[in-house]
Amino acid sequence: MLAFLLSWTVKRAAAAAATNKAKPLAKAGGLISVLRRLLLTSPRLVLDSLKILLPTAIFFIKFLEWWYSPSSPARVLSTSPLGPAVPPPRLLPPHPKGLAIGTTRYGYCGLCGSTIANATALPSGYVFCYRCAFSHVEKHGRCPVTFIPAHTWDLRKVLV
C-alpha cells in the first residue's frame, strides 16, 4: 500500500510539474522536497491519503486488540482450557499406629488388598478403593494411614 501511495504521489508530482512548468523530478532535490512541495501545493492530497490510511490504521489497531485479548486463538492454543495444572498434594507421613502402606503393591488397595476399583483420594493424599475409603471414613472418621480427621465429602475421585 505504501508503494501504491508513493507511486501515486510521484505521478501527481509529475503532473503538477508538467502543468506548472516546474523543474523536472530528477532535479527537484529528492523525494522529501517533492513530498513537501506536494503538501504545500495540494492540501487535498493529505485528505485523499487519509481516506486510505485512517481506516487501515483503525483496522490494524482493532486487529491488535483482538489478537492480544484473552479470548484470542493465540491465547486459547497456549493455555489449557482447564486452567493451570494442579500439583498433587504432598503425602503426609504415616501415623505409627496407622495402616502400613509401604507393604502394599502399586495399584492395590491397602484396605482390601485387591486392585483399586474407582480410585478415591483422601485429604491426606493416600488413594484407596471408593468403597473401602468411604466405609472406613464413615466408620472411623479419619484417614487409615495418617489418622487425620476426614469426612465422606472430603473424598475425591481420581481420574486415571
N, C-alpha and C. Protein backbone atom coordinates (compact mmCIF):
# COMPACT_ATOMS: atom_id res chain seq x y z
N MET A 1 0.83 -1.17 0.00
CA MET A 1 0.00 0.00 0.00
C MET A 1 0.88 1.25 0.00
N LEU A 2 2.01 1.17 0.71
CA LEU A 2 2.92 2.30 0.74
C LEU A 2 3.50 2.54 -0.64
N ALA A 3 3.78 1.46 -1.37
CA ALA A 3 4.32 1.60 -2.72
C ALA A 3 3.27 2.26 -3.63
N PHE A 4 2.00 1.88 -3.45
CA PHE A 4 0.94 2.49 -4.24
C PHE A 4 0.84 3.98 -3.95
N LEU A 5 0.89 4.36 -2.69
CA LEU A 5 0.79 5.76 -2.30
C LEU A 5 1.99 6.54 -2.82
N LEU A 6 3.16 5.93 -2.74
CA LEU A 6 4.36 6.58 -3.21
C LEU A 6 4.32 6.79 -4.72
N SER A 7 3.91 5.77 -5.48
CA SER A 7 3.84 5.92 -6.93
C SER A 7 2.77 6.95 -7.31
N TRP A 8 1.66 6.95 -6.55
CA TRP A 8 0.61 7.92 -6.82
C TRP A 8 1.11 9.34 -6.55
N THR A 9 1.93 9.50 -5.49
CA THR A 9 2.50 10.80 -5.16
C THR A 9 3.46 11.26 -6.24
N VAL A 10 4.28 10.35 -6.73
CA VAL A 10 5.24 10.71 -7.78
C VAL A 10 4.51 11.08 -9.07
N LYS A 11 3.46 10.34 -9.41
CA LYS A 11 2.68 10.68 -10.61
C LYS A 11 2.03 12.03 -10.47
N ARG A 12 1.51 12.30 -9.28
CA ARG A 12 0.86 13.59 -9.03
C ARG A 12 1.87 14.73 -9.10
N ALA A 13 3.09 14.47 -8.59
CA ALA A 13 4.15 15.47 -8.66
C ALA A 13 4.56 15.72 -10.11
N ALA A 14 4.60 14.66 -10.90
CA ALA A 14 4.96 14.82 -12.31
C ALA A 14 3.89 15.63 -13.04
N ALA A 15 2.62 15.36 -12.70
CA ALA A 15 1.54 16.11 -13.33
C ALA A 15 1.58 17.58 -12.91
N ALA A 16 1.88 17.83 -11.64
CA ALA A 16 1.97 19.22 -11.17
C ALA A 16 3.16 19.92 -11.81
N ALA A 17 4.25 19.18 -11.97
CA ALA A 17 5.43 19.78 -12.59
C ALA A 17 5.17 20.11 -14.05
N ALA A 18 4.41 19.26 -14.72
CA ALA A 18 4.13 19.50 -16.13
C ALA A 18 3.19 20.69 -16.30
N THR A 19 2.23 20.85 -15.42
CA THR A 19 1.29 21.97 -15.57
C THR A 19 1.89 23.28 -15.08
N ASN A 20 2.76 23.24 -14.07
CA ASN A 20 3.33 24.48 -13.53
C ASN A 20 4.66 24.83 -14.16
N LYS A 21 5.11 24.02 -15.09
CA LYS A 21 6.40 24.24 -15.75
C LYS A 21 7.53 24.31 -14.71
N ALA A 22 7.42 23.46 -13.68
CA ALA A 22 8.44 23.43 -12.62
C ALA A 22 9.60 22.59 -13.07
N LYS A 23 10.62 22.50 -12.20
CA LYS A 23 11.80 21.70 -12.51
C LYS A 23 11.40 20.24 -12.64
N PRO A 24 12.07 19.46 -13.46
CA PRO A 24 11.78 18.03 -13.53
C PRO A 24 12.11 17.35 -12.19
N LEU A 25 11.55 16.15 -12.00
CA LEU A 25 11.71 15.44 -10.74
C LEU A 25 13.16 15.08 -10.45
N ALA A 26 13.95 14.82 -11.44
CA ALA A 26 15.33 14.44 -11.23
C ALA A 26 16.11 15.57 -10.58
N LYS A 27 15.76 16.81 -10.87
CA LYS A 27 16.48 17.95 -10.32
C LYS A 27 15.74 18.56 -9.13
N ALA A 28 14.73 17.93 -8.66
CA ALA A 28 13.91 18.52 -7.61
C ALA A 28 14.58 18.48 -6.25
N GLY A 29 15.60 17.68 -6.03
CA GLY A 29 16.30 17.66 -4.76
C GLY A 29 15.90 16.49 -3.89
N GLY A 30 15.26 15.52 -4.42
CA GLY A 30 14.95 14.34 -3.65
C GLY A 30 13.47 14.16 -3.39
N LEU A 31 13.18 13.07 -2.83
CA LEU A 31 11.80 12.68 -2.58
C LEU A 31 11.16 13.57 -1.51
N ILE A 32 11.92 13.94 -0.50
CA ILE A 32 11.36 14.75 0.60
C ILE A 32 10.93 16.12 0.10
N SER A 33 11.73 16.71 -0.73
CA SER A 33 11.34 18.03 -1.24
C SER A 33 10.12 17.92 -2.16
N VAL A 34 10.03 16.83 -2.90
CA VAL A 34 8.86 16.62 -3.76
C VAL A 34 7.61 16.47 -2.89
N LEU A 35 7.71 15.67 -1.83
CA LEU A 35 6.57 15.49 -0.94
C LEU A 35 6.18 16.80 -0.25
N ARG A 36 7.18 17.57 0.17
CA ARG A 36 6.90 18.84 0.84
C ARG A 36 6.18 19.80 -0.11
N ARG A 37 6.66 19.86 -1.37
CA ARG A 37 6.03 20.75 -2.34
C ARG A 37 4.60 20.30 -2.65
N LEU A 38 4.40 18.97 -2.72
CA LEU A 38 3.06 18.47 -2.98
C LEU A 38 2.10 18.82 -1.85
N LEU A 39 2.56 18.68 -0.61
CA LEU A 39 1.70 19.00 0.53
C LEU A 39 1.36 20.49 0.58
N LEU A 40 2.31 21.31 0.20
CA LEU A 40 2.05 22.75 0.23
C LEU A 40 1.15 23.19 -0.92
N THR A 41 1.34 22.58 -2.08
CA THR A 41 0.54 22.99 -3.25
C THR A 41 -0.81 22.30 -3.30
N SER A 42 -0.92 21.13 -2.68
CA SER A 42 -2.17 20.38 -2.77
C SER A 42 -2.55 19.83 -1.39
N PRO A 43 -3.25 20.63 -0.56
CA PRO A 43 -3.67 20.11 0.75
C PRO A 43 -4.70 18.98 0.61
N ARG A 44 -5.33 18.90 -0.55
CA ARG A 44 -6.30 17.85 -0.77
C ARG A 44 -5.64 16.47 -0.80
N LEU A 45 -4.35 16.44 -1.13
CA LEU A 45 -3.60 15.18 -1.15
C LEU A 45 -3.60 14.54 0.24
N VAL A 46 -3.44 15.34 1.27
CA VAL A 46 -3.44 14.81 2.63
C VAL A 46 -4.81 14.21 2.95
N LEU A 47 -5.87 14.90 2.59
CA LEU A 47 -7.20 14.40 2.85
C LEU A 47 -7.50 13.13 2.05
N ASP A 48 -7.03 13.09 0.80
CA ASP A 48 -7.22 11.90 -0.02
C ASP A 48 -6.47 10.70 0.55
N SER A 49 -5.26 10.93 1.05
CA SER A 49 -4.48 9.82 1.61
C SER A 49 -5.08 9.34 2.93
N LEU A 50 -5.75 10.24 3.68
CA LEU A 50 -6.38 9.84 4.93
C LEU A 50 -7.56 8.90 4.69
N LYS A 51 -8.17 8.97 3.50
CA LYS A 51 -9.26 8.06 3.18
C LYS A 51 -8.79 6.61 3.21
N ILE A 52 -7.53 6.40 2.87
CA ILE A 52 -6.97 5.05 2.86
C ILE A 52 -6.24 4.74 4.16
N LEU A 53 -5.44 5.68 4.64
CA LEU A 53 -4.59 5.41 5.79
C LEU A 53 -5.37 5.29 7.10
N LEU A 54 -6.37 6.13 7.31
CA LEU A 54 -7.10 6.12 8.57
C LEU A 54 -7.87 4.80 8.79
N PRO A 55 -8.68 4.33 7.83
CA PRO A 55 -9.33 3.03 8.05
C PRO A 55 -8.35 1.88 8.20
N THR A 56 -7.23 1.95 7.48
CA THR A 56 -6.22 0.90 7.61
C THR A 56 -5.62 0.90 9.01
N ALA A 57 -5.32 2.08 9.53
CA ALA A 57 -4.76 2.18 10.88
C ALA A 57 -5.76 1.70 11.92
N ILE A 58 -7.03 2.05 11.76
CA ILE A 58 -8.06 1.60 12.70
C ILE A 58 -8.20 0.08 12.65
N PHE A 59 -8.19 -0.47 11.45
CA PHE A 59 -8.27 -1.93 11.32
C PHE A 59 -7.08 -2.60 12.00
N PHE A 60 -5.89 -2.06 11.81
CA PHE A 60 -4.70 -2.64 12.40
C PHE A 60 -4.75 -2.59 13.93
N ILE A 61 -5.21 -1.47 14.48
CA ILE A 61 -5.32 -1.34 15.94
C ILE A 61 -6.36 -2.32 16.49
N LYS A 62 -7.50 -2.44 15.82
CA LYS A 62 -8.53 -3.39 16.26
C LYS A 62 -8.03 -4.83 16.15
N PHE A 63 -7.25 -5.12 15.12
CA PHE A 63 -6.67 -6.45 14.99
C PHE A 63 -5.74 -6.75 16.15
N LEU A 64 -4.90 -5.79 16.53
CA LEU A 64 -4.01 -5.99 17.67
C LEU A 64 -4.78 -6.16 18.97
N GLU A 65 -5.86 -5.40 19.16
CA GLU A 65 -6.70 -5.57 20.35
C GLU A 65 -7.26 -6.98 20.40
N TRP A 66 -7.75 -7.46 19.26
CA TRP A 66 -8.32 -8.79 19.20
C TRP A 66 -7.26 -9.85 19.46
N TRP A 67 -6.08 -9.69 18.86
CA TRP A 67 -5.03 -10.68 18.96
C TRP A 67 -4.53 -10.83 20.39
N TYR A 68 -4.43 -9.71 21.11
CA TYR A 68 -3.91 -9.76 22.47
C TYR A 68 -5.01 -9.87 23.52
N SER A 69 -6.25 -10.06 23.11
CA SER A 69 -7.34 -10.23 24.08
C SER A 69 -7.27 -11.64 24.68
N PRO A 70 -7.86 -11.85 25.86
CA PRO A 70 -7.80 -13.17 26.49
C PRO A 70 -8.52 -14.26 25.69
N SER A 71 -9.49 -13.90 24.86
CA SER A 71 -10.22 -14.91 24.09
C SER A 71 -9.62 -15.14 22.70
N SER A 72 -8.43 -14.64 22.48
CA SER A 72 -7.78 -14.78 21.18
C SER A 72 -7.40 -16.23 20.91
N PRO A 73 -7.41 -16.64 19.63
CA PRO A 73 -6.97 -18.00 19.30
C PRO A 73 -5.54 -18.27 19.73
N ALA A 74 -4.69 -17.26 19.72
CA ALA A 74 -3.31 -17.46 20.16
C ALA A 74 -3.27 -17.79 21.65
N ARG A 75 -4.12 -17.17 22.44
CA ARG A 75 -4.17 -17.44 23.87
C ARG A 75 -4.82 -18.80 24.14
N VAL A 76 -5.81 -19.14 23.35
CA VAL A 76 -6.53 -20.40 23.56
C VAL A 76 -5.59 -21.58 23.31
N LEU A 77 -4.73 -21.49 22.31
CA LEU A 77 -3.84 -22.59 21.99
C LEU A 77 -2.70 -22.72 22.99
N SER A 78 -2.30 -21.61 23.63
CA SER A 78 -1.15 -21.67 24.52
C SER A 78 -1.51 -22.09 25.94
N THR A 79 -2.77 -22.03 26.33
CA THR A 79 -3.14 -22.41 27.69
C THR A 79 -4.17 -23.53 27.65
N SER A 80 -4.21 -24.26 28.72
CA SER A 80 -5.17 -25.35 28.83
C SER A 80 -6.55 -24.78 29.14
N PRO A 81 -7.63 -25.34 28.57
CA PRO A 81 -8.96 -24.83 28.88
C PRO A 81 -9.36 -25.11 30.32
N LEU A 82 -8.66 -26.04 30.98
CA LEU A 82 -8.98 -26.37 32.36
C LEU A 82 -8.21 -25.51 33.36
N GLY A 83 -7.37 -24.63 32.86
CA GLY A 83 -6.57 -23.81 33.76
C GLY A 83 -5.23 -24.47 34.03
N PRO A 84 -4.47 -23.90 34.96
CA PRO A 84 -3.15 -24.48 35.24
C PRO A 84 -3.29 -25.84 35.92
N ALA A 85 -2.28 -26.66 35.72
CA ALA A 85 -2.29 -28.00 36.31
C ALA A 85 -2.17 -27.88 37.83
N VAL A 86 -2.99 -28.65 38.52
CA VAL A 86 -2.96 -28.64 39.97
C VAL A 86 -1.95 -29.69 40.43
N PRO A 87 -0.97 -29.28 41.22
CA PRO A 87 0.01 -30.27 41.66
C PRO A 87 -0.61 -31.23 42.68
N PRO A 88 -0.12 -32.45 42.73
CA PRO A 88 -0.67 -33.39 43.71
C PRO A 88 -0.29 -32.96 45.12
N PRO A 89 -1.10 -33.33 46.10
CA PRO A 89 -0.75 -32.96 47.48
C PRO A 89 0.46 -33.75 47.96
N ARG A 90 1.20 -33.14 48.87
CA ARG A 90 2.33 -33.86 49.47
C ARG A 90 1.77 -34.93 50.40
N LEU A 91 2.34 -36.10 50.32
CA LEU A 91 1.90 -37.18 51.19
C LEU A 91 2.40 -36.90 52.61
N LEU A 92 1.50 -37.00 53.52
CA LEU A 92 1.86 -36.81 54.92
C LEU A 92 2.48 -38.09 55.46
N PRO A 93 3.36 -37.98 56.42
CA PRO A 93 3.97 -39.21 56.96
C PRO A 93 2.92 -40.05 57.67
N PRO A 94 3.04 -41.36 57.56
CA PRO A 94 2.05 -42.24 58.21
C PRO A 94 2.16 -42.17 59.73
N HIS A 95 1.05 -42.38 60.37
CA HIS A 95 1.00 -42.43 61.83
C HIS A 95 1.61 -43.77 62.27
N PRO A 96 2.32 -43.81 63.41
CA PRO A 96 2.93 -45.07 63.84
C PRO A 96 1.91 -46.20 64.03
N LYS A 97 0.69 -45.87 64.42
CA LYS A 97 -0.33 -46.90 64.64
C LYS A 97 -1.24 -47.07 63.41
N GLY A 98 -0.96 -46.30 62.34
CA GLY A 98 -1.79 -46.34 61.14
C GLY A 98 -1.50 -47.56 60.28
N LEU A 99 -2.22 -47.66 59.18
CA LEU A 99 -2.08 -48.75 58.23
C LEU A 99 -0.69 -48.70 57.60
N ALA A 100 0.01 -49.80 57.58
CA ALA A 100 1.34 -49.86 56.97
C ALA A 100 1.17 -49.85 55.45
N ILE A 101 1.43 -48.72 54.83
CA ILE A 101 1.17 -48.56 53.39
C ILE A 101 2.36 -49.01 52.54
N GLY A 102 3.54 -49.11 53.13
CA GLY A 102 4.74 -49.48 52.37
C GLY A 102 4.75 -50.93 51.93
N THR A 103 3.93 -51.77 52.53
CA THR A 103 3.94 -53.19 52.19
C THR A 103 3.00 -53.52 51.02
N THR A 104 2.08 -52.61 50.67
CA THR A 104 1.15 -52.89 49.57
C THR A 104 1.81 -52.57 48.23
N ARG A 105 1.42 -53.34 47.22
CA ARG A 105 1.96 -53.13 45.88
C ARG A 105 1.25 -51.95 45.21
N TYR A 106 1.92 -51.39 44.19
CA TYR A 106 1.36 -50.26 43.44
C TYR A 106 0.09 -50.71 42.71
N GLY A 107 -0.98 -49.93 42.86
CA GLY A 107 -2.23 -50.23 42.19
C GLY A 107 -3.17 -51.10 43.00
N TYR A 108 -2.75 -51.46 44.18
CA TYR A 108 -3.59 -52.29 45.05
C TYR A 108 -4.03 -51.48 46.26
N CYS A 109 -5.25 -51.74 46.70
CA CYS A 109 -5.83 -51.04 47.85
C CYS A 109 -5.19 -51.56 49.14
N GLY A 110 -4.80 -50.62 50.02
CA GLY A 110 -4.21 -51.01 51.29
C GLY A 110 -5.23 -51.54 52.27
N LEU A 111 -6.52 -51.29 52.04
CA LEU A 111 -7.56 -51.74 52.97
C LEU A 111 -8.08 -53.13 52.63
N CYS A 112 -8.37 -53.36 51.35
CA CYS A 112 -8.95 -54.66 50.97
C CYS A 112 -7.94 -55.59 50.30
N GLY A 113 -6.82 -55.06 49.80
CA GLY A 113 -5.78 -55.89 49.20
C GLY A 113 -5.97 -56.21 47.73
N SER A 114 -7.12 -55.87 47.14
CA SER A 114 -7.34 -56.14 45.71
C SER A 114 -6.96 -54.90 44.89
N THR A 115 -7.03 -55.06 43.56
CA THR A 115 -6.71 -53.90 42.71
C THR A 115 -7.70 -52.78 42.98
N ILE A 116 -7.20 -51.56 42.88
CA ILE A 116 -8.03 -50.39 43.20
C ILE A 116 -9.13 -50.24 42.15
N ALA A 117 -10.37 -50.26 42.62
CA ALA A 117 -11.53 -50.04 41.75
C ALA A 117 -12.13 -48.69 42.13
N ASN A 118 -12.30 -47.81 41.14
CA ASN A 118 -12.86 -46.48 41.37
C ASN A 118 -11.99 -45.72 42.38
N ALA A 119 -10.77 -45.41 41.95
CA ALA A 119 -9.77 -44.81 42.83
C ALA A 119 -10.28 -43.53 43.47
N THR A 120 -10.04 -43.39 44.78
CA THR A 120 -10.50 -42.24 45.55
C THR A 120 -9.37 -41.79 46.47
N ALA A 121 -9.12 -40.49 46.49
CA ALA A 121 -8.06 -39.94 47.34
C ALA A 121 -8.66 -39.32 48.59
N LEU A 122 -8.01 -39.55 49.70
CA LEU A 122 -8.39 -38.92 50.96
C LEU A 122 -7.69 -37.57 51.06
N PRO A 123 -8.09 -36.71 51.99
CA PRO A 123 -7.42 -35.40 52.11
C PRO A 123 -5.93 -35.51 52.39
N SER A 124 -5.50 -36.61 52.96
CA SER A 124 -4.07 -36.81 53.25
C SER A 124 -3.27 -37.13 51.99
N GLY A 125 -3.95 -37.50 50.90
CA GLY A 125 -3.28 -37.80 49.65
C GLY A 125 -3.18 -39.27 49.34
N TYR A 126 -3.51 -40.14 50.25
CA TYR A 126 -3.46 -41.58 50.01
C TYR A 126 -4.69 -42.03 49.24
N VAL A 127 -4.50 -43.04 48.38
CA VAL A 127 -5.55 -43.48 47.46
C VAL A 127 -5.98 -44.90 47.81
N PHE A 128 -7.30 -45.10 47.84
CA PHE A 128 -7.90 -46.41 48.11
C PHE A 128 -9.08 -46.60 47.17
N CYS A 129 -9.70 -47.80 47.24
CA CYS A 129 -10.96 -48.04 46.53
C CYS A 129 -12.02 -47.12 47.14
N TYR A 130 -12.98 -46.72 46.32
CA TYR A 130 -14.01 -45.83 46.86
C TYR A 130 -14.80 -46.51 47.97
N ARG A 131 -15.20 -47.75 47.76
CA ARG A 131 -16.00 -48.46 48.78
C ARG A 131 -15.22 -48.58 50.09
N CYS A 132 -13.95 -48.94 49.99
CA CYS A 132 -13.13 -49.11 51.20
C CYS A 132 -12.94 -47.78 51.91
N ALA A 133 -12.58 -46.74 51.15
CA ALA A 133 -12.33 -45.43 51.75
C ALA A 133 -13.60 -44.87 52.37
N PHE A 134 -14.73 -44.99 51.65
CA PHE A 134 -15.99 -44.45 52.16
C PHE A 134 -16.40 -45.16 53.45
N SER A 135 -16.34 -46.48 53.45
CA SER A 135 -16.77 -47.21 54.65
C SER A 135 -15.83 -46.94 55.83
N HIS A 136 -14.53 -46.83 55.57
CA HIS A 136 -13.58 -46.57 56.66
C HIS A 136 -13.77 -45.17 57.22
N VAL A 137 -13.92 -44.16 56.35
CA VAL A 137 -14.10 -42.78 56.81
C VAL A 137 -15.44 -42.64 57.51
N GLU A 138 -16.45 -43.32 57.00
CA GLU A 138 -17.77 -43.23 57.63
C GLU A 138 -17.77 -43.88 59.02
N LYS A 139 -17.03 -44.96 59.17
CA LYS A 139 -16.99 -45.68 60.45
C LYS A 139 -16.05 -45.01 61.47
N HIS A 140 -14.84 -44.62 61.01
CA HIS A 140 -13.82 -44.12 61.93
C HIS A 140 -13.66 -42.59 61.90
N GLY A 141 -14.01 -41.96 60.79
CA GLY A 141 -13.90 -40.50 60.69
C GLY A 141 -12.48 -40.00 60.56
N ARG A 142 -11.58 -40.82 60.03
CA ARG A 142 -10.18 -40.41 59.87
C ARG A 142 -9.53 -41.22 58.75
N CYS A 143 -8.36 -40.76 58.33
CA CYS A 143 -7.58 -41.46 57.31
C CYS A 143 -6.97 -42.70 57.96
N PRO A 144 -6.99 -43.86 57.27
CA PRO A 144 -6.44 -45.07 57.89
C PRO A 144 -4.92 -45.06 57.99
N VAL A 145 -4.23 -44.19 57.27
CA VAL A 145 -2.77 -44.17 57.29
C VAL A 145 -2.25 -43.10 58.25
N THR A 146 -2.77 -41.87 58.14
CA THR A 146 -2.23 -40.75 58.92
C THR A 146 -3.06 -40.39 60.14
N PHE A 147 -4.23 -40.92 60.27
CA PHE A 147 -5.18 -40.62 61.35
C PHE A 147 -5.64 -39.16 61.33
N ILE A 148 -5.51 -38.50 60.20
CA ILE A 148 -6.02 -37.12 60.07
C ILE A 148 -7.54 -37.20 59.96
N PRO A 149 -8.27 -36.32 60.67
CA PRO A 149 -9.73 -36.36 60.57
C PRO A 149 -10.20 -36.15 59.13
N ALA A 150 -11.20 -36.92 58.73
CA ALA A 150 -11.74 -36.83 57.37
C ALA A 150 -13.24 -37.07 57.41
N HIS A 151 -13.93 -36.52 56.43
CA HIS A 151 -15.37 -36.71 56.28
C HIS A 151 -15.62 -37.33 54.91
N THR A 152 -16.80 -37.88 54.73
CA THR A 152 -17.10 -38.53 53.45
C THR A 152 -17.10 -37.52 52.30
N TRP A 153 -17.43 -36.27 52.56
CA TRP A 153 -17.43 -35.26 51.49
C TRP A 153 -16.02 -34.80 51.14
N ASP A 154 -15.02 -35.21 51.93
CA ASP A 154 -13.62 -34.88 51.63
C ASP A 154 -13.01 -35.83 50.60
N LEU A 155 -13.67 -36.94 50.33
CA LEU A 155 -13.13 -37.92 49.38
C LEU A 155 -13.18 -37.35 47.97
N ARG A 156 -12.11 -37.57 47.20
CA ARG A 156 -12.01 -37.05 45.82
C ARG A 156 -11.74 -38.18 44.86
N LYS A 157 -12.51 -38.21 43.78
CA LYS A 157 -12.33 -39.23 42.74
C LYS A 157 -11.04 -38.93 41.98
N VAL A 158 -10.26 -39.97 41.75
CA VAL A 158 -9.02 -39.85 40.98
C VAL A 158 -9.32 -40.30 39.57
N LEU A 159 -9.15 -39.41 38.60
CA LEU A 159 -9.39 -39.75 37.19
C LEU A 159 -8.12 -40.32 36.61
N VAL A 160 -8.16 -41.58 36.25
CA VAL A 160 -6.98 -42.26 35.74
C VAL A 160 -7.14 -42.47 34.26
